[in-house]
Amino acid sequence: MLGSGSPFNPASSEVTRLIVQLKRELSKSETPVYSASPRKLIPKNAPPKGKDEWETF
């Protein structure tokens, strides 16, 4: 196990502190945070009745 004097210990503490700070800031924001707007679904049209052939690309 890593000792308390290793460089990992302060780095790990700093990462933990920043994660807690980020969670607090996000919970305080009134507007939700989204990475991107939802995409609209576009229906695909079927070929007219009577045509049995489908085109593939």
N, C-alpha and C. Protein backbone atom coordinates (compact mmCIF):
# COMPACT_ATOMS: atom_id res chain seq x y z
N MET A 1 0.85 -1.17 0.00
CA MET A 1 0.00 0.00 0.00
C MET A 1 0.89 1.24 0.00
N LEU A 2 0.39 2.32 -0.56
CA LEU A 2 1.18 3.54 -0.64
C LEU A 2 1.18 4.26 0.70
N GLY A 3 2.33 4.73 1.09
CA GLY A 3 2.46 5.42 2.37
C GLY A 3 1.94 6.85 2.30
N SER A 4 1.83 7.47 3.46
CA SER A 4 1.30 8.83 3.52
C SER A 4 2.28 9.85 2.95
N GLY A 5 3.54 9.49 2.80
CA GLY A 5 4.52 10.43 2.27
C GLY A 5 4.69 10.34 0.77
N SER A 6 3.98 9.46 0.10
CA SER A 6 4.15 9.29 -1.34
C SER A 6 3.46 10.44 -2.10
N PRO A 7 3.89 10.71 -3.33
CA PRO A 7 3.26 11.77 -4.14
C PRO A 7 1.79 11.46 -4.47
N PHE A 8 1.41 10.20 -4.38
CA PHE A 8 0.03 9.83 -4.69
C PHE A 8 -0.95 10.43 -3.68
N ASN A 9 -0.58 10.50 -2.44
CA ASN A 9 -1.48 10.95 -1.38
C ASN A 9 -1.98 12.37 -1.60
N PRO A 10 -1.14 13.37 -1.80
CA PRO A 10 -1.67 14.73 -2.03
C PRO A 10 -2.44 14.85 -3.34
N ALA A 11 -1.99 14.11 -4.36
CA ALA A 11 -2.70 14.16 -5.64
C ALA A 11 -4.10 13.57 -5.50
N SER A 12 -4.22 12.48 -4.79
CA SER A 12 -5.51 11.85 -4.58
C SER A 12 -6.43 12.76 -3.77
N SER A 13 -5.89 13.41 -2.77
CA SER A 13 -6.68 14.33 -1.95
C SER A 13 -7.18 15.51 -2.77
N GLU A 14 -6.34 16.02 -3.65
CA GLU A 14 -6.72 17.14 -4.50
C GLU A 14 -7.83 16.74 -5.47
N VAL A 15 -7.72 15.57 -6.06
CA VAL A 15 -8.76 15.09 -6.99
C VAL A 15 -10.08 14.92 -6.24
N THR A 16 -10.03 14.35 -5.06
CA THR A 16 -11.25 14.17 -4.26
C THR A 16 -11.87 15.51 -3.93
N ARG A 17 -11.05 16.48 -3.54
CA ARG A 17 -11.55 17.81 -3.22
C ARG A 17 -12.22 18.46 -4.42
N LEU A 18 -11.62 18.32 -5.59
CA LEU A 18 -12.17 18.92 -6.80
C LEU A 18 -13.48 18.26 -7.22
N ILE A 19 -13.60 16.96 -7.03
CA ILE A 19 -14.84 16.25 -7.34
C ILE A 19 -15.97 16.73 -6.44
N VAL A 20 -15.68 16.86 -5.14
CA VAL A 20 -16.69 17.34 -4.19
C VAL A 20 -17.10 18.77 -4.55
N GLN A 21 -16.14 19.61 -4.90
CA GLN A 21 -16.43 20.99 -5.26
C GLN A 21 -17.31 21.03 -6.52
N LEU A 22 -17.00 20.21 -7.50
CA LEU A 22 -17.79 20.18 -8.74
C LEU A 22 -19.22 19.73 -8.46
N LYS A 23 -19.38 18.73 -7.62
CA LYS A 23 -20.73 18.26 -7.27
C LYS A 23 -21.53 19.37 -6.59
N ARG A 24 -20.90 20.12 -5.71
CA ARG A 24 -21.58 21.22 -5.02
C ARG A 24 -22.00 22.31 -6.01
N GLU A 25 -21.09 22.65 -6.92
CA GLU A 25 -21.40 23.69 -7.90
C GLU A 25 -22.53 23.26 -8.83
N LEU A 26 -22.55 22.01 -9.23
CA LEU A 26 -23.60 21.53 -10.11
C LEU A 26 -24.94 21.46 -9.40
N SER A 27 -24.94 21.13 -8.12
CA SER A 27 -26.20 21.05 -7.39
C SER A 27 -26.77 22.44 -7.11
N LYS A 28 -25.92 23.46 -7.07
CA LYS A 28 -26.38 24.83 -6.82
C LYS A 28 -26.93 25.48 -8.07
N SER A 29 -26.52 25.04 -9.24
CA SER A 29 -26.99 25.67 -10.47
C SER A 29 -28.47 25.40 -10.66
N GLU A 30 -29.19 26.43 -11.07
CA GLU A 30 -30.64 26.31 -11.21
C GLU A 30 -31.03 25.66 -12.53
N THR A 31 -30.25 25.88 -13.56
CA THR A 31 -30.58 25.31 -14.85
C THR A 31 -29.84 23.99 -15.01
N PRO A 32 -30.50 22.98 -15.57
CA PRO A 32 -29.82 21.71 -15.76
C PRO A 32 -28.71 21.83 -16.81
N VAL A 33 -27.69 21.02 -16.63
CA VAL A 33 -26.55 21.04 -17.54
C VAL A 33 -26.69 19.86 -18.51
N TYR A 34 -26.73 20.17 -19.79
CA TYR A 34 -26.83 19.12 -20.81
C TYR A 34 -25.61 19.20 -21.71
N SER A 35 -25.17 18.05 -22.16
CA SER A 35 -24.01 18.03 -23.04
C SER A 35 -24.39 18.40 -24.47
N ALA A 36 -25.61 18.06 -24.90
CA ALA A 36 -26.05 18.38 -26.25
C ALA A 36 -27.58 18.38 -26.27
N SER A 37 -28.14 19.07 -27.25
CA SER A 37 -29.59 19.07 -27.36
C SER A 37 -30.06 17.74 -27.92
N PRO A 38 -31.26 17.29 -27.54
CA PRO A 38 -31.75 16.02 -28.05
C PRO A 38 -31.98 16.09 -29.55
N ARG A 39 -31.72 15.00 -30.23
CA ARG A 39 -31.89 14.95 -31.67
C ARG A 39 -33.33 14.62 -32.01
N LYS A 40 -33.79 15.20 -33.12
CA LYS A 40 -35.14 14.91 -33.58
C LYS A 40 -35.10 13.65 -34.43
N LEU A 41 -36.09 12.81 -34.25
CA LEU A 41 -36.19 11.59 -35.04
C LEU A 41 -36.86 11.91 -36.37
N ILE A 42 -36.26 11.44 -37.44
CA ILE A 42 -36.81 11.65 -38.77
C ILE A 42 -37.31 10.30 -39.28
N PRO A 43 -38.62 10.18 -39.53
CA PRO A 43 -39.13 8.89 -40.01
C PRO A 43 -38.65 8.59 -41.43
N LYS A 44 -38.37 7.34 -41.70
CA LYS A 44 -37.97 6.92 -43.03
C LYS A 44 -39.23 6.50 -43.79
N ASN A 45 -39.34 6.98 -45.00
CA ASN A 45 -40.51 6.67 -45.80
C ASN A 45 -40.35 5.30 -46.46
N ALA A 46 -41.40 4.53 -46.44
CA ALA A 46 -41.42 3.24 -47.11
C ALA A 46 -41.72 3.48 -48.59
N PRO A 47 -41.28 2.58 -49.46
CA PRO A 47 -41.59 2.75 -50.88
C PRO A 47 -43.10 2.62 -51.10
N PRO A 48 -43.59 3.23 -52.17
CA PRO A 48 -45.03 3.13 -52.44
C PRO A 48 -45.45 1.67 -52.59
N LYS A 49 -46.71 1.41 -52.24
CA LYS A 49 -47.22 0.04 -52.35
C LYS A 49 -47.14 -0.43 -53.79
N GLY A 50 -46.82 -1.70 -53.96
CA GLY A 50 -46.72 -2.27 -55.29
C GLY A 50 -45.28 -2.44 -55.73
N LYS A 51 -44.35 -1.72 -55.12
CA LYS A 51 -42.93 -1.90 -55.45
C LYS A 51 -42.32 -2.81 -54.39
N ASP A 52 -41.84 -3.94 -54.84
CA ASP A 52 -41.25 -4.89 -53.90
C ASP A 52 -39.75 -4.75 -53.78
N GLU A 53 -39.16 -3.93 -54.63
CA GLU A 53 -37.70 -3.80 -54.64
C GLU A 53 -37.28 -2.68 -53.68
N TRP A 54 -36.30 -2.99 -52.88
CA TRP A 54 -35.72 -2.01 -51.96
C TRP A 54 -34.33 -1.66 -52.46
N GLU A 55 -33.99 -0.44 -52.37
CA GLU A 55 -32.65 -0.02 -52.74
C GLU A 55 -31.75 -0.08 -51.53
N THR A 56 -30.56 -0.61 -51.70
CA THR A 56 -29.59 -0.63 -50.61
C THR A 56 -28.37 0.17 -51.02
N PHE A 57 -27.79 0.83 -50.09
CA PHE A 57 -26.62 1.64 -50.37
C PHE A 57 -25.48 1.19 -49.51
